[in-house]
Amino acid sequence: MVNRGLTMTKPDFSRMTRQDLRAYILVHRDDDEAIEAVIKRGDPNSPKYRFPQTDEDLREMEASLKRKLESRREAI
């Protein structure tokens, strides 16, 4: 970043809290590096799914995803 001839360093996104990074992005909406940093972090509260190992696992995952999609449609 350059500001009136002065070089400014970007913050270390890896050291920022999720909330601080979000606030930074709201002010610096054109900072692609910051946006990429928040995307790479993902949501720590999102459910984790293991990769299906068997046909039964695959059927269970499909059923789970269908239920989730249906519940979202009902909420809309």
C-alpha atoms as a PDB file:
ATOM      1  CA  MET A   1       0.000   0.000   0.000  1.00  0.00           C
ATOM      2  CA  VAL A   2       1.239   3.470  -0.774  1.00  0.00           C
ATOM      3  CA  ASN A   3      -0.129   6.525   0.982  1.00  0.00           C
ATOM      4  CA  ARG A   4       1.198   9.934  -0.114  1.00  0.00           C
ATOM      5  CA  GLY A   5       4.608   8.537  -0.890  1.00  0.00           C
ATOM      6  CA  LEU A   6       4.842   6.556   2.344  1.00  0.00           C
ATOM      7  CA  THR A   7       4.905   2.793   2.168  1.00  0.00           C
ATOM      8  CA  MET A   8       2.534   1.132   4.596  1.00  0.00           C
ATOM      9  CA  THR A   9       2.813  -2.503   5.552  1.00  0.00           C
ATOM     10  CA  LYS A  10      -0.201  -4.755   5.581  1.00  0.00           C
ATOM     11  CA  PRO A  11      -1.236  -6.385   8.826  1.00  0.00           C
ATOM     12  CA  ASP A  12      -0.346 -10.012   9.453  1.00  0.00           C
ATOM     13  CA  PHE A  13      -3.694 -11.633   8.707  1.00  0.00           C
ATOM     14  CA  SER A  14      -2.653 -14.916  10.317  1.00  0.00           C
ATOM     15  CA  ARG A  15      -2.339 -13.144  13.685  1.00  0.00           C
ATOM     16  CA  MET A  16      -5.677 -11.344  13.437  1.00  0.00           C
ATOM     17  CA  THR A  17      -8.784 -12.704  15.084  1.00  0.00           C
ATOM     18  CA  ARG A  18     -11.642 -13.640  12.789  1.00  0.00           C
ATOM     19  CA  GLN A  19     -13.566 -10.613  14.064  1.00  0.00           C
ATOM     20  CA  ASP A  20     -10.620  -8.238  13.469  1.00  0.00           C
ATOM     21  CA  LEU A  21     -10.055  -9.643   9.991  1.00  0.00           C
ATOM     22  CA  ARG A  22     -13.726  -9.163   9.157  1.00  0.00           C
ATOM     23  CA  ALA A  23     -13.580  -5.553  10.374  1.00  0.00           C
ATOM     24  CA  TYR A  24     -10.439  -4.962   8.301  1.00  0.00           C
ATOM     25  CA  ILE A  25     -12.138  -6.325   5.180  1.00  0.00           C
ATOM     26  CA  LEU A  26     -15.156  -4.089   5.693  1.00  0.00           C
ATOM     27  CA  VAL A  27     -12.832  -1.070   5.596  1.00  0.00           C
ATOM     28  CA  HIS A  28     -10.486  -2.438   2.892  1.00  0.00           C
ATOM     29  CA  ARG A  29     -12.950  -4.122   0.537  1.00  0.00           C
ATOM     30  CA  ASP A  30     -10.460  -4.211  -2.341  1.00  0.00           C
ATOM     31  CA  ASP A  31      -7.795  -6.111  -0.398  1.00  0.00           C
ATOM     32  CA  ASP A  32      -7.872  -9.494  -2.100  1.00  0.00           C
ATOM     33  CA  GLU A  33      -5.222 -10.919   0.240  1.00  0.00           C
ATOM     34  CA  ALA A  34      -7.398 -10.225   3.278  1.00  0.00           C
ATOM     35  CA  ILE A  35     -10.447 -11.744   1.618  1.00  0.00           C
ATOM     36  CA  GLU A  36      -8.443 -14.820   0.649  1.00  0.00           C
ATOM     37  CA  ALA A  37      -7.173 -15.128   4.235  1.00  0.00           C
ATOM     38  CA  VAL A  38     -10.687 -15.211   5.662  1.00  0.00           C
ATOM     39  CA  ILE A  39     -11.839 -17.717   3.037  1.00  0.00           C
ATOM     40  CA  LYS A  40      -8.901 -20.028   3.751  1.00  0.00           C
ATOM     41  CA  ARG A  41      -9.726 -20.020   7.452  1.00  0.00           C
ATOM     42  CA  GLY A  42     -13.189 -21.355   6.868  1.00  0.00           C
ATOM     43  CA  ASP A  43     -15.758 -21.490   9.618  1.00  0.00           C
ATOM     44  CA  PRO A  44     -14.526 -23.270  12.744  1.00  0.00           C
ATOM     45  CA  ASN A  45     -18.136 -23.980  13.730  1.00  0.00           C
ATOM     46  CA  SER A  46     -19.084 -25.740  10.521  1.00  0.00           C
ATOM     47  CA  PRO A  47     -19.651 -29.479  10.733  1.00  0.00           C
ATOM     48  CA  LYS A  48     -16.876 -31.778   9.584  1.00  0.00           C
ATOM     49  CA  TYR A  49     -17.720 -34.686   7.322  1.00  0.00           C
ATOM     50  CA  ARG A  50     -15.415 -37.587   6.730  1.00  0.00           C
ATOM     51  CA  PHE A  51     -14.890 -38.801   3.190  1.00  0.00           C
ATOM     52  CA  PRO A  52     -17.187 -41.755   2.426  1.00  0.00           C
ATOM     53  CA  GLN A  53     -15.246 -45.027   2.456  1.00  0.00           C
ATOM     54  CA  THR A  54     -18.033 -47.409   1.485  1.00  0.00           C
ATOM     55  CA  ASP A  55     -21.215 -47.343  -0.571  1.00  0.00           C
ATOM     56  CA  GLU A  56     -23.178 -47.201   2.681  1.00  0.00           C
ATOM     57  CA  ASP A  57     -21.153 -44.157   3.797  1.00  0.00           C
ATOM     58  CA  LEU A  58     -21.928 -42.497   0.472  1.00  0.00           C
ATOM     59  CA  ARG A  59     -25.665 -43.176   0.842  1.00  0.00           C
ATOM     60  CA  GLU A  60     -25.601 -41.758   4.380  1.00  0.00           C
ATOM     61  CA  MET A  61     -23.825 -38.625   3.188  1.00  0.00           C
ATOM     62  CA  GLU A  62     -26.285 -38.127   0.331  1.00  0.00           C
ATOM     63  CA  ALA A  63     -29.231 -38.525   2.704  1.00  0.00           C
ATOM     64  CA  SER A  64     -27.685 -36.091   5.178  1.00  0.00           C
ATOM     65  CA  LEU A  65     -27.082 -33.474   2.480  1.00  0.00           C
ATOM     66  CA  LYS A  66     -30.626 -33.877   1.128  1.00  0.00           C
ATOM     67  CA  ARG A  67     -32.060 -33.339   4.621  1.00  0.00           C
ATOM     68  CA  LYS A  68     -29.926 -30.251   5.073  1.00  0.00           C
ATOM     69  CA  LEU A  69     -30.995 -28.790   1.716  1.00  0.00           C
ATOM     70  CA  GLU A  70     -34.659 -29.516   2.424  1.00  0.00           C
ATOM     71  CA  SER A  71     -34.478 -27.835   5.825  1.00  0.00           C
ATOM     72  CA  ARG A  72     -32.940 -24.738   4.228  1.00  0.00           C
ATOM     73  CA  ARG A  73     -35.696 -24.605   1.609  1.00  0.00           C
ATOM     74  CA  GLU A  74     -38.313 -24.756   4.355  1.00  0.00           C
ATOM     75  CA  ALA A  75     -36.617 -21.885   6.185  1.00  0.00           C
ATOM     76  CA  ILE A  76     -36.828 -19.621   3.127  1.00  0.00           C
END
